[in-house]
């Protein structure tokens, strides 16, 4: 499948092709919360995202993770983050070195600064956190000193020679979000300078990184999404032309649009995040070829996923097609690139929800969120971050072997975007996409609507939605009923309504303050086979959540277990289960609840 083999070779982790001359300038780019309101293709959206700040998380594991990651990145020392840039520009550079990938002689010097700025701006906008906005302003000011003074726009030689497009893209999204979400005017003024200085180091054309054996490895095809935003904000058509120029049509979008599965030949993160560029091409150009490419890419990804929703690496996907993935699990470490891959996957799901309104993309987004991004090990203070999820036998959650990897940048952006995943809307309907304790405020021309969601999901099955402010009262509520939710029930003010699995349950009425919807989505235990050739090698699922067996013994992979039939709930627990296997206790917990314990994901099913 899509390659995800950075553990074997850092050079193959992020590739960029040749450096050459290319000229252009740019101004500002819009944040994800306002794309649909400002792009020429807004009418092509069936549903729209809410802006940051419209949704407030109020409880549950998603909010706990959201708050914890918010705190972690807010606490990162600004001088430390800026040190490598100040050193490069000959400026005073207080603070400790970052180390790892980030430093002047690192794998990609200064690679994630823009993503840290972007994520903090998103957290600030989502929570009205002035401290986050202030930190964004300080980081932008420090970066501005560097970019105006330094001859090269890159913090070290590897970034300049090998990763020019990748780093520029991160600079741009950081500056854009700083301007759009944190109100930092300087960020807007820095965009033309930054892009002007970076473009001469980039390949003049987009070429696929696959097959490149020597540097540079220029992934120019990842930058078009943000260039489309720049064109919209500035009104300057040269950025739209540049975005079109860098779309990877021949190798990626054209075959996908024609229904050709080219995923096994591609690189996991860069090609999946490039699908977001295709989404913006669809919005801005109106070319349905890009929408076909996105829907086909999603369809091709489905059989390549583990139970978590994460993808298999290329060599294991080949084995899967040959019916040998079970053997691979036994003999090697099965892994999935977590924050980077999850970030790209959830962005793709949100675009597809916007373009189609179809519930299966919400199902996929939910599964990926709970079992990958939410399930990452918390980072430490010294640059250790998760990179892969391990689904092999006797696994544990490890940090990547180098400090400050790329996933430290997508982690903060992806978690800050949790608020974008919960609700969508069109002119007449509110779509409830996630079951999460939260509040949403929908500002409509006919009056403000506010809805409160109360739930202990996924530990519990019940969800209550209460209308706090009805606006003029005339709108619909659409609730995603997951495909696995057989027996779901829906009541509106006590009256039963239809709730079919795999569909949107739509309730249209004149709403009044205090009106309530009660939804129950039964999360029955079930198993999910690793592939059709190995139906009895399976993971345990409950609703969208993948469960793992804690502290497995060495022989557990060879012992047949009656799953889920032999399981019983742990007394007084809503979401922990146990069974006995030849006199030994085997306890199952949600994968996202695992910290440092060892675990087993796939079991022989009796």
Protein backbone atom coordinates (compact mmCIF):
# COMPACT_ATOMS: atom_id res chain seq x y z
CA UNK A 1 0.00 0.00 0.00
CA UNK A 2 1.12 3.54 0.46
CA UNK A 3 4.65 3.49 1.79
CA UNK A 4 5.18 4.41 5.42
CA UNK A 5 8.69 3.20 6.03
CA UNK A 6 10.47 6.08 7.75
CA UNK A 7 11.68 3.78 10.53
CA UNK A 8 13.86 1.98 7.98
CA UNK A 9 15.21 5.01 6.20
CA UNK A 10 14.78 8.62 7.20
CA UNK A 11 15.52 9.78 3.69
CA UNK A 12 12.56 7.74 2.43
CA UNK A 13 10.30 9.21 5.09
CA UNK A 14 9.81 12.56 3.45
CA UNK A 15 10.98 13.03 -0.03
CA UNK A 16 11.61 16.02 -2.14
CA UNK A 17 12.94 16.02 -5.65
CA UNK A 18 15.18 18.54 -7.34
CA UNK A 19 15.96 22.05 -6.46
CA UNK A 20 15.72 24.56 -9.28
CA UNK A 21 14.63 28.07 -10.06
CA UNK A 22 11.02 29.08 -9.88
CA UNK A 23 9.62 32.53 -9.23
CA UNK A 24 6.42 33.78 -7.69
CA UNK A 25 5.16 35.62 -4.66
CA UNK A 26 2.19 35.15 -2.40
CA UNK A 27 0.21 36.90 0.24
CA UNK A 28 -2.18 35.26 2.65
CA UNK A 29 -3.99 31.97 2.99
CA UNK A 30 -7.24 31.19 4.70
CA UNK A 31 -7.76 28.90 7.66
CA UNK A 32 -9.79 25.73 7.36
CA UNK A 33 -12.75 27.16 9.26
CA UNK A 34 -13.46 29.78 6.61
CA UNK A 35 -12.57 27.97 3.40
CA UNK A 36 -16.15 27.32 2.35
CA UNK A 37 -17.20 30.89 3.01
CA UNK A 38 -14.43 32.41 0.91
CA UNK A 39 -13.61 30.03 -1.93
CA UNK A 40 -15.20 30.45 -5.35
CA UNK A 41 -16.33 26.82 -5.17
CA UNK A 42 -18.25 27.14 -1.92
CA UNK A 43 -21.46 26.21 -3.75
CA UNK A 44 -19.93 22.82 -4.50
CA UNK A 45 -20.19 21.88 -0.84
CA UNK A 46 -23.14 19.87 0.36
CA UNK A 47 -22.18 20.57 3.99
CA UNK A 48 -19.88 23.16 5.55
CA UNK A 49 -17.48 23.16 8.48
CA UNK A 50 -18.08 25.36 11.49
CA UNK A 51 -15.41 27.95 12.31
CA UNK A 52 -13.05 27.48 15.22
CA UNK A 53 -14.83 28.73 18.31
CA UNK A 54 -18.32 27.61 17.25
CA UNK A 55 -17.89 24.18 18.90
CA UNK A 56 -16.85 23.74 22.51
CA UNK A 57 -15.87 20.35 23.90
CA UNK A 58 -17.26 19.78 27.40
CA UNK A 59 -16.19 16.30 28.48
CA UNK A 60 -14.95 12.82 27.65
CA UNK A 61 -11.66 11.40 26.35
CA UNK A 62 -11.58 13.64 23.28
CA UNK A 63 -11.71 16.77 25.43
CA UNK A 64 -9.12 15.37 27.85
CA UNK A 65 -6.71 14.76 24.97
CA UNK A 66 -7.53 18.14 23.41
CA UNK A 67 -6.76 19.94 26.67
CA UNK A 68 -3.59 17.94 27.35
CA UNK A 69 -2.08 18.59 23.92
CA UNK A 70 -3.10 22.26 24.13
CA UNK A 71 -1.18 22.54 27.41
CA UNK A 72 1.86 20.67 26.09
CA UNK A 73 2.44 22.91 23.09
CA UNK A 74 1.63 26.10 24.98
CA UNK A 75 4.39 25.15 27.43
CA UNK A 76 7.09 24.67 24.76
CA UNK A 77 9.78 27.32 25.25
CA UNK A 78 9.62 29.96 22.49
CA UNK A 79 13.35 30.72 22.61
CA UNK A 80 14.11 27.04 22.18
CA UNK A 81 11.80 26.79 19.15
CA UNK A 82 13.37 29.87 17.55
CA UNK A 83 17.01 29.13 18.42
CA UNK A 84 17.97 27.35 15.21
CA UNK A 85 16.50 30.18 13.12
CA UNK A 86 18.27 32.87 15.12
CA UNK A 87 21.56 30.99 14.84
CA UNK A 88 21.15 30.76 11.07
CA UNK A 89 20.54 34.52 10.83
CA UNK A 90 23.41 35.46 13.16
CA UNK A 91 21.06 36.75 15.86
CA UNK A 92 21.36 36.23 19.63
CA UNK A 93 20.01 32.72 20.26
CA UNK A 94 19.22 32.01 23.91
CA UNK A 95 17.67 28.79 25.14
CA UNK A 96 18.63 25.11 24.91
CA UNK A 97 19.08 23.29 21.61
CA UNK A 98 16.10 21.34 20.31
CA UNK A 99 18.12 18.39 19.02
CA UNK A 100 16.96 15.59 16.75
CA UNK A 101 15.46 16.46 13.38
CA UNK A 102 15.07 20.16 14.28
CA UNK A 103 18.62 21.52 14.72
CA UNK A 104 20.88 23.09 12.07
CA UNK A 105 22.50 19.77 11.16
CA UNK A 106 19.31 17.76 11.67
CA UNK A 107 17.30 15.71 9.21
CA UNK A 108 14.94 18.63 8.40
CA UNK A 109 16.07 21.73 10.37
CA UNK A 110 13.24 23.84 11.75
CA UNK A 111 10.72 21.59 10.02
CA UNK A 112 7.76 21.96 12.39
CA UNK A 113 7.83 25.60 13.57
CA UNK A 114 5.06 26.57 11.18
CA UNK A 115 2.89 23.68 12.34
CA UNK A 116 3.40 24.61 15.99
CA UNK A 117 2.32 28.16 15.16
CA UNK A 118 -0.66 26.84 13.19
CA UNK A 119 -1.76 24.45 15.95
CA UNK A 120 -1.46 27.07 18.68
CA UNK A 121 -3.48 29.54 16.60
CA UNK A 122 -6.18 26.89 16.14
CA UNK A 123 -6.24 26.11 19.85
CA UNK A 124 -6.41 29.82 20.61
CA UNK A 125 -9.34 30.34 18.24
CA UNK A 126 -11.14 27.21 19.45
CA UNK A 127 -10.87 28.11 23.14
CA UNK A 128 -10.42 31.93 23.17
CA UNK A 129 -7.05 31.37 24.82
CA UNK A 130 -5.20 34.71 24.84
CA UNK A 131 -1.98 33.02 25.98
CA UNK A 132 -1.98 30.84 22.86
CA UNK A 133 -2.53 33.87 20.63
CA UNK A 134 0.25 35.78 22.43
CA UNK A 135 2.64 32.87 21.93
CA UNK A 136 1.75 32.76 18.24
CA UNK A 137 2.58 36.47 17.97
CA UNK A 138 5.96 35.96 19.68
CA UNK A 139 6.88 33.06 17.41
CA UNK A 140 5.85 34.97 14.29
CA UNK A 141 7.93 37.96 15.39
CA UNK A 142 10.95 35.73 15.94
CA UNK A 143 10.48 34.02 12.60
CA UNK A 144 10.10 37.44 10.96
CA UNK A 145 13.48 38.57 12.27
CA UNK A 146 15.00 35.47 10.70
CA UNK A 147 13.24 35.51 7.31
CA UNK A 148 13.98 39.19 6.67
CA UNK A 149 17.63 38.92 7.64
CA UNK A 150 18.76 35.48 6.53
CA UNK A 151 20.05 34.89 3.01
CA UNK A 152 18.45 31.44 2.97
CA UNK A 153 14.88 30.95 4.23
CA UNK A 154 15.83 27.58 5.72
CA UNK A 155 17.20 26.83 9.18
CA UNK A 156 19.81 24.36 7.94
CA UNK A 157 21.35 22.86 4.81
CA UNK A 158 19.18 19.74 4.69
CA UNK A 159 15.97 21.77 4.72
CA UNK A 160 17.26 23.98 1.93
CA UNK A 161 18.69 21.26 -0.30
CA UNK A 162 16.26 18.40 0.30
CA UNK A 163 12.99 19.59 1.85
CA UNK A 164 12.33 23.01 0.32
CA UNK A 165 8.65 22.57 -0.60
CA UNK A 166 7.73 20.69 2.56
CA UNK A 167 9.20 23.35 4.85
CA UNK A 168 7.73 26.23 2.84
CA UNK A 169 4.29 24.67 3.08
CA UNK A 170 4.59 24.52 6.88
CA UNK A 171 5.83 28.12 7.07
CA UNK A 172 2.83 29.22 5.01
CA UNK A 173 0.16 27.41 7.01
CA UNK A 174 1.66 28.77 10.24
CA UNK A 175 1.66 32.35 8.97
CA UNK A 176 -1.82 32.02 7.53
CA UNK A 177 -3.34 30.64 10.71
CA UNK A 178 -1.46 33.23 12.76
CA UNK A 179 -3.07 35.97 10.67
CA UNK A 180 -6.53 34.46 10.25
CA UNK A 181 -7.02 32.94 13.69
CA UNK A 182 -4.74 34.91 16.03
CA UNK A 183 -5.00 38.27 14.30
CA UNK A 184 -1.23 38.70 13.88
CA UNK A 185 -0.92 41.29 11.11
CA UNK A 186 2.81 40.69 10.75
CA UNK A 187 2.10 37.14 9.60
CA UNK A 188 0.31 38.43 6.50
CA UNK A 189 3.17 40.74 5.60
CA UNK A 190 5.69 37.91 5.96
CA UNK A 191 3.97 35.61 3.47
CA UNK A 192 5.24 37.21 0.21
CA UNK A 193 8.80 37.40 1.54
CA UNK A 194 8.72 33.81 2.75
CA UNK A 195 7.35 32.35 -0.47
CA UNK A 196 9.63 34.49 -2.64
CA UNK A 197 12.70 33.27 -0.77
CA UNK A 198 11.65 29.60 -0.79
CA UNK A 199 10.56 29.14 -4.41
CA UNK A 200 14.04 29.39 -5.99
CA UNK A 201 15.09 26.32 -3.99
CA UNK A 202 12.18 24.19 -5.23
CA UNK A 203 11.77 22.03 -8.29
CA UNK A 204 10.15 24.02 -11.11
CA UNK A 205 7.74 21.11 -11.72
CA UNK A 206 6.00 18.55 -9.57
CA UNK A 207 7.53 15.12 -9.83
CA UNK A 208 6.56 12.08 -7.81
CA UNK A 209 9.08 11.30 -5.05
CA UNK A 210 8.66 7.56 -5.55
CA UNK A 211 11.75 6.08 -7.15
CA UNK A 212 14.06 8.87 -6.02
CA UNK A 213 17.26 7.35 -4.65
CA UNK A 214 19.26 10.50 -4.02
CA UNK A 215 18.39 13.96 -2.72
CA UNK A 216 16.73 16.36 -3.19
CA UNK A 217 13.33 14.80 -2.44
CA UNK A 218 11.04 17.73 -3.18
CA UNK A 219 7.36 16.94 -2.46
CA UNK A 220 6.08 19.97 -4.32
CA UNK A 221 2.72 18.29 -4.84
CA UNK A 222 1.76 18.96 -1.19
CA UNK A 223 1.70 22.76 -1.57
CA UNK A 224 -1.25 23.36 -3.91
CA UNK A 225 -3.92 23.37 -1.20
CA UNK A 226 -2.40 26.39 0.49
CA UNK A 227 -1.61 28.14 -2.78
CA UNK A 228 -5.30 27.99 -3.72
CA UNK A 229 -6.05 29.68 -0.41
CA UNK A 230 -3.45 32.35 -1.13
CA UNK A 231 -5.09 33.10 -4.48
CA UNK A 232 -8.48 33.48 -2.84
CA UNK A 233 -7.24 35.79 -0.08
CA UNK A 234 -5.12 38.02 -2.32
CA UNK A 235 -7.27 37.95 -5.44
CA UNK A 236 -4.06 37.36 -7.39
CA UNK A 237 -4.54 34.71 -10.07
CA UNK A 238 -0.82 33.87 -10.24
CA UNK A 239 -1.17 31.81 -7.08
CA UNK A 240 -4.08 29.86 -8.52
CA UNK A 241 -1.94 29.16 -11.59
CA UNK A 242 0.96 28.09 -9.39
CA UNK A 243 -1.36 25.77 -7.44
CA UNK A 244 -2.58 24.18 -10.67
CA UNK A 245 1.01 23.91 -11.90
CA UNK A 246 2.07 21.85 -8.86
CA UNK A 247 -0.88 19.43 -8.80
CA UNK A 248 0.39 15.89 -9.30
CA UNK A 249 -2.14 15.03 -12.00
CA UNK A 250 -0.33 12.47 -14.17
CA UNK A 251 0.94 10.20 -11.41
CA UNK A 252 -1.83 10.69 -8.84
CA UNK A 253 -5.11 12.44 -9.59
CA UNK A 254 -5.64 11.27 -13.18
CA UNK A 255 -5.32 7.52 -12.49
CA UNK A 256 -7.36 7.81 -9.29
CA UNK A 257 -10.10 9.67 -11.15
CA UNK A 258 -10.12 6.88 -13.73
CA UNK A 259 -10.55 4.25 -11.02
CA UNK A 260 -6.97 2.95 -11.12
CA UNK A 261 -5.55 1.94 -7.74
CA UNK A 262 -2.09 3.51 -7.63
CA UNK A 263 -1.90 3.65 -3.82
CA UNK A 264 0.53 0.73 -3.38
CA UNK A 265 3.21 2.70 -5.20
CA UNK A 266 2.88 5.91 -3.21
CA UNK A 267 4.19 7.46 -0.01
CA UNK A 268 1.68 7.41 2.84
CA UNK A 269 1.61 10.90 4.28
CA UNK A 270 2.68 13.06 1.34
CA UNK A 271 0.29 11.53 -1.17
CA UNK A 272 -2.65 11.40 1.23
CA UNK A 273 -2.20 15.01 2.33
CA UNK A 274 -1.92 15.86 -1.39
CA UNK A 275 -5.55 14.73 -1.69
CA UNK A 276 -6.41 17.93 0.19
CA UNK A 277 -4.86 19.82 -2.73
CA UNK A 278 -7.22 17.88 -4.99
CA UNK A 279 -10.10 18.94 -2.77
CA UNK A 280 -9.17 22.59 -3.22
CA UNK A 281 -8.75 22.03 -6.95
CA UNK A 282 -12.32 20.74 -7.04
CA UNK A 283 -13.59 23.75 -5.09
CA UNK A 284 -11.68 26.32 -7.11
CA UNK A 285 -11.66 24.85 -10.59
CA UNK A 286 -14.95 22.97 -10.59
CA UNK A 287 -13.31 19.93 -12.18
CA UNK A 288 -15.22 16.83 -11.06
CA UNK A 289 -12.17 14.72 -11.88
CA UNK A 290 -10.70 15.73 -8.51
CA UNK A 291 -13.81 14.70 -6.61
CA UNK A 292 -13.71 11.32 -8.35
CA UNK A 293 -10.05 10.99 -7.38
CA UNK A 294 -10.84 11.67 -3.71
CA UNK A 295 -13.77 9.24 -3.51
CA UNK A 296 -11.81 6.52 -5.30
CA UNK A 297 -8.77 7.06 -3.06
CA UNK A 298 -10.99 6.56 -0.01
CA UNK A 299 -12.46 3.41 -1.54
CA UNK A 300 -9.00 2.02 -2.30
CA UNK A 301 -7.80 2.81 1.22
CA UNK A 302 -10.57 0.83 2.93
CA UNK A 303 -9.23 -2.72 2.33
CA UNK A 304 -5.74 -1.56 3.31
CA UNK A 305 -6.67 -0.56 6.85
CA UNK A 306 -6.05 -2.26 10.14
CA UNK A 307 -8.96 -2.48 12.58
CA UNK A 308 -7.83 0.89 13.94
CA UNK A 309 -8.47 2.60 10.62
CA UNK A 310 -4.71 3.01 10.10
CA UNK A 311 -3.08 1.82 6.92
CA UNK A 312 -0.66 -1.03 6.48
CA UNK A 313 2.83 -0.12 5.22
CA UNK A 314 3.58 -0.94 1.61
CA UNK A 315 5.32 -4.27 2.14
CA UNK A 316 2.59 -5.50 4.50
CA UNK A 317 -0.15 -4.40 2.11
CA UNK A 318 1.45 -6.50 -0.62
CA UNK A 319 1.44 -9.41 1.82
CA UNK A 320 -2.20 -8.66 2.63
CA UNK A 321 -3.12 -8.97 -1.04
CA UNK A 322 -1.29 -12.28 -1.10
CA UNK A 323 -3.08 -13.45 2.03
CA UNK A 324 0.12 -13.34 4.07
CA UNK A 325 -0.47 -10.43 6.42
CA UNK A 326 -1.16 -12.80 9.28
CA UNK A 327 2.34 -14.23 8.83
CA UNK A 328 3.72 -10.71 8.66
CA UNK A 329 2.14 -9.84 12.01
CA UNK A 330 3.82 -12.82 13.61
CA UNK A 331 7.27 -12.21 12.16
CA UNK A 332 7.53 -8.42 12.08
CA UNK A 333 6.26 -5.26 13.67
CA UNK A 334 3.08 -4.11 11.96
CA UNK A 335 2.90 -0.37 12.18
CA UNK A 336 0.97 2.67 11.01
CA UNK A 337 2.23 6.22 10.85
CA UNK A 338 -0.03 7.83 13.43
CA UNK A 339 -0.23 11.64 13.76
CA UNK A 340 0.82 12.41 10.17
CA UNK A 341 -1.29 9.72 8.54
CA UNK A 342 -4.24 10.39 10.84
CA UNK A 343 -4.12 14.11 10.16
CA UNK A 344 -4.19 13.55 6.40
CA UNK A 345 -6.90 10.88 6.70
CA UNK A 346 -9.22 13.00 8.85
CA UNK A 347 -8.78 16.00 6.55
CA UNK A 348 -9.75 13.81 3.61
CA UNK A 349 -12.81 12.55 5.49
CA UNK A 350 -13.91 16.12 6.32
CA UNK A 351 -13.56 17.21 2.70
CA UNK A 352 -15.63 14.22 1.56
CA UNK A 353 -18.31 14.98 4.14
CA UNK A 354 -18.39 18.54 2.86
CA UNK A 355 -18.64 17.43 -0.77
CA UNK A 356 -21.08 14.54 -0.37
CA UNK A 357 -22.67 14.63 3.08
CA UNK A 358 -22.41 10.84 3.13
CA UNK A 359 -22.24 9.13 6.56
CA UNK A 360 -19.59 6.51 5.70
CA UNK A 361 -16.94 9.21 5.73
CA UNK A 362 -18.02 10.17 9.22
CA UNK A 363 -17.76 6.51 10.24
CA UNK A 364 -14.20 6.42 8.93
CA UNK A 365 -13.24 9.71 10.54
CA UNK A 366 -14.55 8.53 13.91
CA UNK A 367 -12.66 5.24 13.79
CA UNK A 368 -9.40 6.97 12.82
CA UNK A 369 -9.79 9.62 15.50
CA UNK A 370 -10.34 7.20 18.39
CA UNK A 371 -7.78 4.57 17.43
CA UNK A 372 -4.89 6.60 16.02
CA UNK A 373 -4.67 10.30 16.91
CA UNK A 374 -6.41 9.93 20.28
CA UNK A 375 -4.45 6.73 20.96
CA UNK A 376 -0.99 8.26 20.58
CA UNK A 377 1.36 8.19 23.52
CA UNK A 378 1.66 11.62 25.16
CA UNK A 379 4.90 13.42 24.23
CA UNK A 380 7.58 14.29 26.76
CA UNK A 381 9.53 17.51 27.34
CA UNK A 382 12.61 16.55 25.34
CA UNK A 383 11.26 16.06 21.85
CA UNK A 384 10.10 12.45 22.07
CA UNK A 385 6.88 11.97 20.10
CA UNK A 386 4.90 9.03 18.73
CA UNK A 387 5.42 8.15 15.09
CA UNK A 388 4.04 4.63 14.58
CA UNK A 389 1.30 2.56 16.14
CA UNK A 390 2.42 -1.04 16.59
CA UNK A 391 -0.11 -3.82 16.01
CA UNK A 392 2.31 -6.73 16.24
CA UNK A 393 2.34 -9.28 19.10
CA UNK A 394 3.48 -8.07 22.52
CA UNK A 395 3.59 -4.48 21.31
CA UNK A 396 3.93 -1.28 23.27
CA UNK A 397 3.64 2.40 22.41
CA UNK A 398 7.10 3.67 21.61
CA UNK A 399 8.48 7.07 20.75
CA UNK A 400 10.17 7.64 17.43
CA UNK A 401 13.92 7.08 17.62
CA UNK A 402 14.75 10.69 16.67
CA UNK A 403 13.57 13.78 18.53
CA UNK A 404 11.10 16.33 17.11
CA UNK A 405 9.94 14.23 14.13
CA UNK A 406 7.38 15.40 11.59
CA UNK A 407 4.54 13.89 13.62
CA UNK A 408 5.14 16.45 16.37
CA UNK A 409 3.81 19.03 13.90
CA UNK A 410 0.75 17.17 12.67
CA UNK A 411 -0.12 16.12 16.24
CA UNK A 412 -0.83 19.67 17.38
CA UNK A 413 -2.75 20.54 14.21
CA UNK A 414 -4.79 17.34 14.22
CA UNK A 415 -5.79 17.55 17.87
CA UNK A 416 -6.68 21.24 17.57
CA UNK A 417 -8.97 20.21 14.70
CA UNK A 418 -11.02 17.89 16.93
CA UNK A 419 -13.59 20.70 17.13
CA UNK A 420 -14.02 20.63 13.34
CA UNK A 421 -15.00 16.96 13.28
CA UNK A 422 -18.10 17.05 15.45
CA UNK A 423 -20.67 19.08 13.47
CA UNK A 424 -21.32 20.34 9.95
CA UNK A 425 -24.15 22.39 8.48
CA UNK A 426 -25.84 23.58 5.32
CA UNK A 427 -28.34 26.38 5.02
CA UNK A 428 -31.16 24.35 6.53
CA UNK A 429 -29.68 21.49 8.54
CA UNK A 430 -27.28 20.76 11.38
CA UNK A 431 -25.31 17.52 10.91
CA UNK A 432 -24.22 15.77 14.11
CA UNK A 433 -21.18 13.81 12.96
CA UNK A 434 -19.56 12.80 16.28
CA UNK A 435 -21.09 11.77 19.58
CA UNK A 436 -19.07 13.84 22.01
CA UNK A 437 -20.00 16.00 25.00
CA UNK A 438 -20.05 19.42 23.43
CA UNK A 439 -21.93 22.59 22.52
CA UNK A 440 -22.32 24.09 19.06
CA UNK A 441 -23.42 27.60 18.17
CA UNK A 442 -24.75 28.00 14.63
CA UNK A 443 -25.05 31.62 13.55
CA UNK A 444 -27.84 31.79 10.99
CA UNK A 445 -29.42 34.76 9.27
CA UNK A 446 -32.75 33.72 10.81
CA UNK A 447 -31.39 33.67 14.34
CA UNK A 448 -28.72 31.90 16.35
CA UNK A 449 -29.09 28.19 17.04
CA UNK A 450 -27.33 26.55 19.99
CA UNK A 451 -27.42 22.81 20.68
CA UNK A 452 -25.96 21.01 23.70
CA UNK A 453 -24.84 17.38 23.42
CA UNK A 454 -24.58 15.29 26.61
CA UNK A 455 -23.03 11.82 26.48
CA UNK A 456 -20.46 9.46 28.01
CA UNK A 457 -19.86 7.93 24.57
CA UNK A 458 -17.97 5.77 23.71
CA UNK A 459 -18.05 4.31 27.22
CA UNK A 460 -21.86 4.51 27.10
CA UNK A 461 -24.35 4.22 24.24
CA UNK A 462 -26.76 7.06 25.03
CA UNK A 463 -26.64 10.55 23.54
CA UNK A 464 -28.92 13.49 24.32
CA UNK A 465 -29.11 16.63 22.20
CA UNK A 466 -30.98 19.60 23.65
CA UNK A 467 -31.92 22.78 21.80
CA UNK A 468 -30.78 25.70 23.95
CA UNK A 469 -31.43 28.40 21.36
CA UNK A 470 -33.77 27.61 18.43
CA UNK A 471 -33.24 30.67 16.21
CA UNK A 472 -36.44 30.98 14.20
CA UNK A 473 -37.01 27.28 14.88
CA UNK A 474 -37.09 26.12 11.27
CA UNK A 475 -34.24 23.73 10.55
CA UNK A 476 -33.42 20.03 10.34
CA UNK A 477 -31.10 17.94 12.47
CA UNK A 478 -29.24 15.10 10.78
CA UNK A 479 -27.64 12.46 12.98
CA UNK A 480 -25.07 10.03 11.61
CA UNK A 481 -26.14 6.49 12.50
CA UNK A 482 -22.97 4.36 12.22
CA UNK A 483 -23.09 1.36 9.93
CA UNK A 484 -22.29 -0.95 12.87
CA UNK A 485 -25.14 0.44 15.06
CA UNK A 486 -27.80 -2.24 14.56
CA UNK A 487 -30.77 -1.57 16.79
CA UNK A 488 -30.16 2.16 17.16
CA UNK A 489 -33.13 4.06 18.56
CA UNK A 490 -34.05 7.72 18.16
CA UNK A 491 -36.69 9.68 20.07
CA UNK A 492 -37.61 13.34 19.69
CA UNK A 493 -39.38 14.67 22.78
CA UNK A 494 -40.26 11.03 23.50
CA UNK A 495 -41.60 10.25 20.02
CA UNK A 496 -39.83 7.45 18.13
CA UNK A 497 -38.20 8.29 14.80
CA UNK A 498 -36.40 6.13 12.25
CA UNK A 499 -32.66 5.46 12.81
CA UNK A 500 -31.26 3.10 10.18
CA UNK A 501 -27.60 2.00 10.40
CA UNK A 502 -25.37 3.55 7.78
CA UNK A 503 -27.78 6.42 7.17
CA UNK A 504 -28.39 9.97 8.32
CA UNK A 505 -31.43 10.13 10.59
CA UNK A 506 -33.11 13.41 9.65
CA UNK A 507 -35.53 15.21 11.94
CA UNK A 508 -37.21 18.30 10.51
CA UNK A 509 -39.53 20.32 12.71
CA UNK A 510 -40.12 23.73 14.23
CA UNK A 511 -37.73 23.53 17.17
CA UNK A 512 -38.34 25.16 20.52
CA UNK A 513 -36.06 25.83 23.44
CA UNK A 514 -35.71 22.63 25.50
CA UNK A 515 -36.61 20.22 22.68
CA UNK A 516 -34.55 17.06 23.08
CA UNK A 517 -33.34 14.21 20.91
CA UNK A 518 -32.41 10.96 22.66
CA UNK A 519 -30.27 8.61 20.58
CA UNK A 520 -28.98 5.18 21.58
CA UNK A 521 -26.26 3.61 19.43
CA UNK A 522 -25.68 0.05 20.67
CA UNK A 523 -21.95 -0.66 20.70
CA UNK A 524 -22.02 -4.42 20.66
CA UNK A 525 -18.72 -6.24 20.85
CA UNK A 526 -17.67 -7.72 17.51
CA UNK A 527 -14.50 -8.85 15.77
CA UNK A 528 -12.87 -7.50 12.63
CA UNK A 529 -10.72 -9.91 10.63
CA UNK A 530 -7.35 -8.77 9.46
CA UNK A 531 -8.08 -9.84 5.87
CA UNK A 532 -10.45 -12.14 3.97
CA UNK A 533 -7.85 -14.90 3.76
CA UNK A 534 -7.52 -15.01 7.57
CA UNK A 535 -11.08 -14.67 8.92
CA UNK A 536 -10.11 -16.19 12.27
CA UNK A 537 -7.31 -13.71 12.96
CA UNK A 538 -9.16 -10.67 14.21
CA UNK A 539 -9.19 -7.63 16.44
CA UNK A 540 -11.89 -6.83 18.96
CA UNK A 541 -14.12 -3.82 18.27
CA UNK A 542 -16.80 -2.04 20.26
CA UNK A 543 -18.53 0.64 18.25
CA UNK A 544 -15.76 2.67 16.58
CA UNK A 545 -13.16 1.69 19.18
CA UNK A 546 -10.50 -0.97 18.77
CA UNK A 547 -9.79 -2.97 21.93
CA UNK A 548 -6.49 -4.63 22.83
CA UNK A 549 -5.51 -7.33 25.33
CA UNK A 550 -3.28 -6.01 28.11
CA UNK A 551 -0.01 -7.64 29.19
CA UNK A 552 -0.20 -10.60 26.80
CA UNK A 553 1.92 -13.68 27.36
CA UNK A 554 4.13 -15.05 24.62
CA UNK A 555 1.87 -17.91 23.53
CA UNK A 556 -1.32 -15.82 23.33
CA UNK A 557 -1.06 -15.48 19.56
CA UNK A 558 -1.38 -19.21 19.09
CA UNK A 559 -4.25 -19.80 21.53
CA UNK A 560 -7.78 -19.77 20.14
CA UNK A 561 -10.14 -17.49 22.09
CA UNK A 562 -13.91 -17.28 21.90
CA UNK A 563 -14.22 -13.60 21.00
CA UNK A 564 -16.40 -11.81 21.75
CA UNK A 565 -18.56 -14.53 23.28
CA UNK A 566 -16.28 -15.35 26.21
CA UNK A 567 -15.98 -11.76 27.39
CA UNK A 568 -17.71 -10.32 30.42
CA UNK A 569 -17.57 -6.72 31.63
CA UNK A 570 -15.29 -5.88 34.51
CA UNK A 571 -17.46 -5.07 37.55
CA UNK A 572 -18.30 -1.35 37.85
CA UNK A 573 -16.62 -0.59 34.51
CA UNK A 574 -18.40 0.63 31.40
CA UNK A 575 -15.76 -0.25 28.86
CA UNK A 576 -13.34 -2.90 30.21
CA UNK A 577 -13.82 -6.63 29.56
CA UNK A 578 -12.14 -9.83 30.67
CA UNK A 579 -11.98 -13.53 29.94
CA UNK A 580 -9.98 -16.49 31.16
CA UNK A 581 -7.61 -18.31 28.81
CA UNK A 582 -6.32 -21.57 30.28
CA UNK A 583 -6.49 -20.13 33.77
CA UNK A 584 -4.94 -16.75 32.88
CA UNK A 585 -6.83 -13.45 32.99
CA UNK A 586 -6.95 -11.61 29.68
CA UNK A 587 -8.26 -8.05 30.02
CA UNK A 588 -9.39 -5.91 27.09
CA UNK A 589 -9.37 -2.11 27.15
CA UNK A 590 -9.81 0.58 24.50
CA UNK A 591 -6.57 1.08 22.61
CA UNK A 592 -6.71 4.80 23.33
CA UNK A 593 -6.64 4.02 27.08
CA UNK A 594 -3.29 2.19 26.87
CA UNK A 595 -0.26 4.07 28.16
CA UNK A 596 2.94 2.11 28.81
CA UNK A 597 1.54 -1.42 29.10
CA UNK A 598 2.23 -4.06 26.50
CA UNK A 599 -0.73 -5.22 24.45
CA UNK A 600 -1.88 -7.58 21.75
CA UNK A 601 -4.18 -6.46 18.92
CA UNK A 602 -4.98 -9.52 16.79
CA UNK A 603 -6.11 -12.87 18.20
CA UNK A 604 -6.94 -16.35 16.96
CA UNK A 605 -10.73 -16.61 17.13
CA UNK A 606 -12.22 -19.91 18.25
